[in-house]
Protein backbone atom coordinates (compact mmCIF):
# COMPACT_ATOMS: atom_id res chain seq x y z
CA UNK A 1 174.72 199.88 224.79
CA UNK A 2 171.46 200.57 222.96
CA UNK A 3 170.97 204.29 223.52
CA UNK A 4 172.35 206.87 221.14
CA UNK A 5 174.25 209.79 222.61
CA UNK A 6 176.48 212.63 221.52
CA UNK A 7 179.44 210.45 222.49
CA UNK A 8 178.56 208.20 219.53
CA UNK A 9 179.38 211.13 217.24
CA UNK A 10 182.13 212.97 219.13
CA UNK A 11 185.22 211.79 221.00
CA UNK A 12 184.51 213.31 224.40
CA UNK A 13 186.95 213.54 227.27
CA UNK A 14 184.75 211.28 229.37
CA UNK A 15 184.82 208.58 226.69
CA UNK A 16 188.57 208.88 226.17
CA UNK A 17 189.23 208.65 229.91
CA UNK A 18 187.00 205.60 230.29
CA UNK A 19 188.79 203.91 227.39
CA UNK A 20 192.19 204.52 228.97
CA UNK A 21 191.37 203.72 232.59
CA UNK A 22 188.53 201.22 232.18
CA UNK A 23 186.19 203.21 234.41
CA UNK A 24 184.76 206.68 234.91
CA UNK A 25 187.22 209.47 235.61
CA UNK A 26 185.99 212.89 236.76
CA UNK A 27 187.66 216.28 236.89
CA UNK A 28 187.80 217.84 240.34
CA UNK A 29 188.00 221.64 240.02
CA UNK A 30 190.64 223.37 242.12
CA UNK A 31 191.16 227.03 243.05
CA UNK A 32 194.58 227.50 244.59
CA UNK A 33 194.84 231.28 244.55
CA UNK A 34 196.58 231.89 241.24
CA UNK A 35 196.22 235.28 239.62
CA UNK A 36 196.72 236.50 236.04
CA UNK A 37 199.25 238.91 234.45
CA UNK A 38 196.32 240.73 232.88
CA UNK A 39 194.95 241.70 236.27
CA UNK A 40 197.94 241.97 238.61
CA UNK A 41 199.53 244.83 236.69
CA UNK A 42 202.19 242.83 234.80
CA UNK A 43 200.27 243.26 231.54
CA UNK A 44 197.29 245.23 232.75
CA UNK A 45 194.46 245.36 235.25
CA UNK A 46 190.84 244.32 235.06
CA UNK A 47 191.44 241.25 232.94
CA UNK A 48 189.76 240.45 229.64
CA UNK A 49 186.60 242.41 228.83
CA UNK A 50 184.49 239.29 229.39
CA UNK A 51 185.94 238.58 232.86
CA UNK A 52 183.75 238.99 235.93
CA UNK A 53 185.78 241.34 238.08
CA UNK A 54 183.69 240.69 241.20
CA UNK A 55 185.05 237.17 241.21
CA UNK A 56 188.62 238.43 241.40
CA UNK A 57 189.99 237.67 244.84
CA UNK A 58 193.51 238.34 246.12
CA UNK A 59 195.79 235.38 246.68
CA UNK A 60 195.53 235.40 250.44
CA UNK A 61 196.11 231.71 251.01
CA UNK A 62 192.73 231.43 252.71
CA UNK A 63 191.39 228.85 250.26
CA UNK A 64 191.04 225.25 251.45
CA UNK A 65 194.08 223.03 251.02
CA UNK A 66 194.27 221.05 247.77
CA UNK A 67 193.56 217.76 249.55
CA UNK A 68 190.39 219.17 251.13
CA UNK A 69 189.18 220.57 247.80
CA UNK A 70 189.83 217.18 246.18
CA UNK A 71 188.01 215.37 248.98
CA UNK A 72 184.97 217.64 248.73
CA UNK A 73 184.84 217.21 244.97
CA UNK A 74 185.26 213.44 245.22
CA UNK A 75 182.37 213.26 247.70
CA UNK A 76 180.05 215.04 245.27
CA UNK A 77 181.17 212.85 242.37
CA UNK A 78 180.74 209.66 244.41
CA UNK A 79 177.10 210.52 245.12
CA UNK A 80 176.43 211.44 241.51
CA UNK A 81 178.22 208.73 239.52
CA UNK A 82 180.21 206.54 241.91
CA UNK A 83 183.48 207.41 240.13
CA UNK A 84 186.67 206.57 242.03
CA UNK A 85 189.31 208.06 239.74
CA UNK A 86 189.96 211.76 239.18
CA UNK A 87 191.88 214.44 237.37
CA UNK A 88 192.96 217.38 239.47
CA UNK A 89 191.61 220.31 237.45
CA UNK A 90 193.57 223.50 238.04
CA UNK A 91 190.88 225.76 236.63
CA UNK A 92 190.73 229.21 238.23
CA UNK A 93 192.82 231.94 236.59
CA UNK A 94 196.33 231.20 235.24
CA UNK A 95 197.59 227.98 236.76
CA UNK A 96 201.22 228.12 235.61
CA UNK A 97 201.73 231.71 236.75
CA UNK A 98 203.92 231.27 239.83
CA UNK A 99 207.31 230.01 240.94
CA UNK A 100 208.34 226.51 239.86
CA UNK A 101 208.59 225.47 243.49
CA UNK A 102 205.01 226.45 244.31
CA UNK A 103 203.70 224.96 241.07
CA UNK A 104 205.34 221.61 241.71
CA UNK A 105 204.12 221.57 245.31
CA UNK A 106 200.50 222.22 244.32
CA UNK A 107 200.54 219.78 241.41
CA UNK A 108 202.01 217.01 243.57
CA UNK A 109 199.49 217.67 246.33
CA UNK A 110 196.71 216.96 243.85
CA UNK A 111 198.47 213.93 242.38
CA UNK A 112 198.96 212.42 245.86
CA UNK A 113 195.21 212.35 246.52
CA UNK A 114 193.90 208.74 246.41
CA UNK A 115 192.47 207.94 242.98
CA UNK A 116 194.01 210.94 241.22
CA UNK A 117 195.39 209.72 237.89
CA UNK A 118 196.51 213.04 236.47
CA UNK A 119 196.06 216.77 236.05
CA UNK A 120 194.36 219.17 233.71
CA UNK A 121 196.00 222.58 233.92
CA UNK A 122 194.34 225.69 232.49
CA UNK A 123 196.60 228.60 231.61
CA UNK A 124 197.44 231.38 229.19
CA UNK A 125 199.90 230.58 226.38
CA UNK A 126 202.08 233.52 227.45
CA UNK A 127 202.54 232.13 230.98
CA UNK A 128 204.80 229.14 230.37
CA UNK A 129 208.05 230.44 231.78
CA UNK A 130 211.40 228.63 232.04
CA UNK A 131 211.04 225.12 233.37
CA UNK A 132 207.22 224.96 233.48
CA UNK A 133 206.76 222.64 230.50
CA UNK A 134 209.69 220.53 231.61
CA UNK A 135 208.05 220.13 235.04
CA UNK A 136 204.83 218.95 233.44
CA UNK A 137 206.78 216.56 231.20
CA UNK A 138 208.50 215.07 234.27
CA UNK A 139 205.16 214.50 235.96
CA UNK A 140 203.91 212.80 232.82
CA UNK A 141 207.03 210.64 232.65
CA UNK A 142 206.22 209.47 236.18
CA UNK A 143 203.04 207.91 234.79
CA UNK A 144 200.50 210.66 235.38
CA UNK A 145 198.14 211.90 232.69
CA UNK A 146 198.83 215.60 232.09
CA UNK A 147 196.62 217.84 229.95
CA UNK A 148 197.81 221.37 229.24
CA UNK A 149 194.81 223.62 228.50
CA UNK A 150 195.84 226.74 226.57
CA UNK A 151 193.43 229.64 226.22
CA UNK A 152 193.70 230.93 222.66
CA UNK A 153 190.03 231.96 222.10
CA UNK A 154 190.67 233.22 218.52
CA UNK A 155 193.53 233.55 216.04
CA UNK A 156 192.45 237.07 215.08
CA UNK A 157 194.74 239.53 216.81
CA UNK A 158 192.36 242.45 216.29
CA UNK A 159 189.77 240.54 218.33
CA UNK A 160 192.31 239.74 221.04
CA UNK A 161 193.07 243.46 221.29
CA UNK A 162 189.35 244.25 221.35
CA UNK A 163 188.79 241.97 224.35
CA UNK A 164 191.97 243.13 226.13
CA UNK A 165 193.48 239.67 226.06
CA UNK A 166 197.05 240.91 226.49
CA UNK A 167 198.71 238.59 223.96
CA UNK A 168 198.58 237.80 220.26
CA UNK A 169 197.85 234.52 218.57
CA UNK A 170 201.47 233.79 217.68
CA UNK A 171 202.37 233.05 221.30
CA UNK A 172 199.76 230.28 221.32
CA UNK A 173 201.31 228.52 218.34
CA UNK A 174 204.80 228.84 219.82
CA UNK A 175 203.65 227.41 223.16
CA UNK A 176 201.69 224.65 221.46
CA UNK A 177 204.77 223.58 219.51
CA UNK A 178 206.97 223.64 222.63
CA UNK A 179 204.53 221.56 224.67
CA UNK A 180 203.83 218.98 222.01
CA UNK A 181 207.56 218.62 221.27
CA UNK A 182 207.87 217.41 224.88
CA UNK A 183 205.02 214.96 224.37
CA UNK A 184 202.50 216.97 226.40
CA UNK A 185 198.92 216.83 225.05
CA UNK A 186 197.47 220.29 224.46
CA UNK A 187 193.80 221.24 224.71
CA UNK A 188 193.01 224.53 222.96
CA UNK A 189 190.25 226.78 224.32
CA UNK A 190 188.11 228.55 221.69
CA UNK A 191 185.31 231.06 222.30
CA UNK A 192 182.54 231.46 219.74
CA UNK A 193 180.71 234.77 219.43
CA UNK A 194 183.52 237.16 220.35
CA UNK A 195 182.84 240.82 219.49
CA UNK A 196 183.19 241.46 215.77
CA UNK A 197 183.44 237.78 214.86
CA UNK A 198 181.14 235.57 212.80
CA UNK A 199 181.08 232.00 211.50
CA UNK A 200 183.99 232.60 209.12
CA UNK A 201 186.21 233.67 212.01
CA UNK A 202 185.32 230.51 213.94
CA UNK A 203 186.08 228.30 210.93
CA UNK A 204 189.42 229.98 210.21
CA UNK A 205 190.52 229.86 213.84
CA UNK A 206 189.65 226.18 214.05
CA UNK A 207 191.38 225.41 210.74
CA UNK A 208 194.64 227.00 211.85
CA UNK A 209 194.56 225.29 215.24
CA UNK A 210 194.01 221.91 213.59
CA UNK A 211 196.73 222.57 211.01
CA UNK A 212 199.21 223.44 213.76
CA UNK A 213 198.41 220.19 215.58
CA UNK A 214 196.32 219.86 218.72
CA UNK A 215 195.22 217.02 220.97
CA UNK A 216 192.05 218.43 222.52
CA UNK A 217 189.53 221.21 221.99
CA UNK A 218 187.33 223.10 224.41
CA UNK A 219 184.61 225.19 222.76
CA UNK A 220 182.25 227.52 224.58
CA UNK A 221 180.06 230.55 223.87
CA UNK A 222 180.91 234.03 225.04
CA UNK A 223 178.99 234.89 228.21
CA UNK A 224 178.03 238.40 229.19
CA UNK A 225 178.51 238.43 232.96
CA UNK A 226 177.93 241.05 235.60
CA UNK A 227 180.71 243.50 236.53
CA UNK A 228 182.56 243.05 233.23
CA UNK A 229 183.40 245.61 230.59
CA UNK A 230 181.54 243.42 228.10
CA UNK A 231 178.40 243.86 230.23
CA UNK A 232 178.64 247.63 229.80
CA UNK A 233 179.14 247.20 226.06
CA UNK A 234 176.13 244.87 225.89
CA UNK A 235 173.92 247.32 227.80
CA UNK A 236 175.00 250.09 225.42
CA UNK A 237 174.00 247.97 222.43
CA UNK A 238 177.59 247.59 221.30
CA UNK A 239 177.61 243.79 221.55
CA UNK A 240 175.00 241.14 220.71
CA UNK A 241 175.60 237.57 221.92
CA UNK A 242 175.13 234.54 219.71
CA UNK A 243 171.70 233.02 219.30
CA UNK A 244 171.44 229.38 220.36
CA UNK A 245 170.75 228.24 216.80
CA UNK A 246 173.91 229.92 215.51
CA UNK A 247 176.04 228.48 218.28
CA UNK A 248 174.75 224.98 217.61
CA UNK A 249 175.36 225.22 213.85
CA UNK A 250 178.84 226.72 214.22
CA UNK A 251 179.82 224.06 216.77
CA UNK A 252 178.55 221.30 214.47
CA UNK A 253 180.66 222.82 211.68
CA UNK A 254 183.77 222.61 213.86
CA UNK A 255 183.05 219.06 215.02
CA UNK A 256 182.74 217.88 211.42
CA UNK A 257 186.12 219.43 210.59
CA UNK A 258 187.96 217.98 213.60
CA UNK A 259 190.11 214.87 213.07
CA UNK A 260 188.73 211.79 214.86
CA UNK A 261 191.55 211.47 217.41
CA UNK A 262 191.17 214.97 218.85
CA UNK A 263 189.45 214.89 222.26
CA UNK A 264 186.62 217.36 222.93
CA UNK A 265 186.88 218.50 226.54
CA UNK A 266 183.84 220.75 226.23
CA UNK A 267 181.25 221.67 223.61
CA UNK A 268 179.48 224.40 225.54
CA UNK A 269 179.86 226.37 228.73
CA UNK A 270 177.49 227.26 231.52
CA UNK A 271 177.35 230.22 233.86
CA UNK A 272 175.69 230.73 237.22
CA UNK A 273 172.32 232.45 236.79
CA UNK A 274 173.16 235.13 239.34
CA UNK A 275 176.17 236.20 237.23
CA UNK A 276 174.81 235.71 233.72
CA UNK A 277 173.28 238.59 231.79
CA UNK A 278 173.19 237.04 228.31
CA UNK A 279 172.62 234.82 226.44
CA UNK A 280 170.00 233.19 228.66
CA UNK A 281 170.39 229.78 227.02
CA UNK A 282 173.87 229.39 228.56
CA UNK A 283 172.35 228.18 231.84
CA UNK A 284 170.92 225.08 230.14
CA UNK A 285 173.91 222.91 229.31
CA UNK A 286 172.01 219.78 228.33
CA UNK A 287 169.63 221.67 226.06
CA UNK A 288 172.65 222.93 224.13
CA UNK A 289 174.36 219.53 223.98
CA UNK A 290 171.15 217.84 222.85
CA UNK A 291 170.71 220.48 220.15
CA UNK A 292 174.26 219.86 218.88
CA UNK A 293 173.58 216.14 218.73
CA UNK A 294 170.33 216.71 216.80
CA UNK A 295 172.10 219.01 214.35
CA UNK A 296 174.76 216.39 213.60
CA UNK A 297 172.17 213.63 213.19
CA UNK A 298 170.07 215.80 210.86
CA UNK A 299 173.17 216.47 208.79
CA UNK A 300 174.19 212.82 208.87
CA UNK A 301 177.68 213.81 210.02
CA UNK A 302 180.03 213.28 212.94
CA UNK A 303 183.49 214.22 214.14
CA UNK A 304 185.90 213.83 211.24
CA UNK A 305 183.30 213.82 208.47
CA UNK A 306 185.09 216.66 206.67
CA UNK A 307 188.62 216.16 207.97
CA UNK A 308 189.62 213.31 205.69
CA UNK A 309 188.18 210.57 207.91
CA UNK A 310 184.62 209.72 208.81
CA UNK A 311 185.03 206.92 211.33
CA UNK A 312 185.37 207.92 214.98
CA UNK A 313 188.33 206.12 216.55
CA UNK A 314 189.12 205.55 220.20
CA UNK A 315 192.82 206.28 219.79
CA UNK A 316 193.88 209.57 221.31
CA UNK A 317 196.93 211.17 222.93
CA UNK A 318 195.74 209.54 226.15
CA UNK A 319 196.03 205.98 224.86
């Protein structure tokens, strides 16, 4: 290969997918009109304090059909990389928060698109009602790759209350155990820089997630976005976002402590400039990723260096 990249040091989702399928596989983001119990009145309204409320739209059914969204995404990917295989990425809001019948219909619509090899489904750990995990397990048994992405963010319940999350950490661990008992790979979402948290909180959250067992991790910084309660807190001087240097060092810490077989779905997150208030560096994804790579190379470490294994392996729950 010749060139050195972050993928030499970290087991990324792209690398794991290429190993399994022998070619590039891209996520195609889908918005199918799901809502969230923290904004429809079931738990509360307004969502988490970091949510952009202007982006909240009622489930009117006016969104393009799943097949059309997949086709549009595939067209963009084809021009960019030439990839011909995809994961249907149910991304917007809480994508298990509906009737089983509607869930199965939407999931199968995505899976029926030519080249779709599986699904990645983002949801809250408190929104896995009766039959949902069993449905996902059936789809997996049919030969599809299924990733369940659970938004934990932090294990510290006082922080979850502070950001109006609407659930405690225990429900994550219960849902994680239920999913993995059915053989479903779980990707845990973690946010660094939540109000009141520092490096020690990030390390403890990560340690407990790893100890409980997890198949993938998605790490991203907290964004201050327009029309959120967090934006008002930031303007009032009640919240200061992470500096880039801190985010890079904390993320490197977590990578080093992650077992080699765990798949990193994301190491940073971006936000549209018209929505982002702070931190400004969040609009430059590759600057952040390059900085993380440099930090690991300066340390002489990689994924697994401090987890009892130092050699990156290609084996993963996707193999």
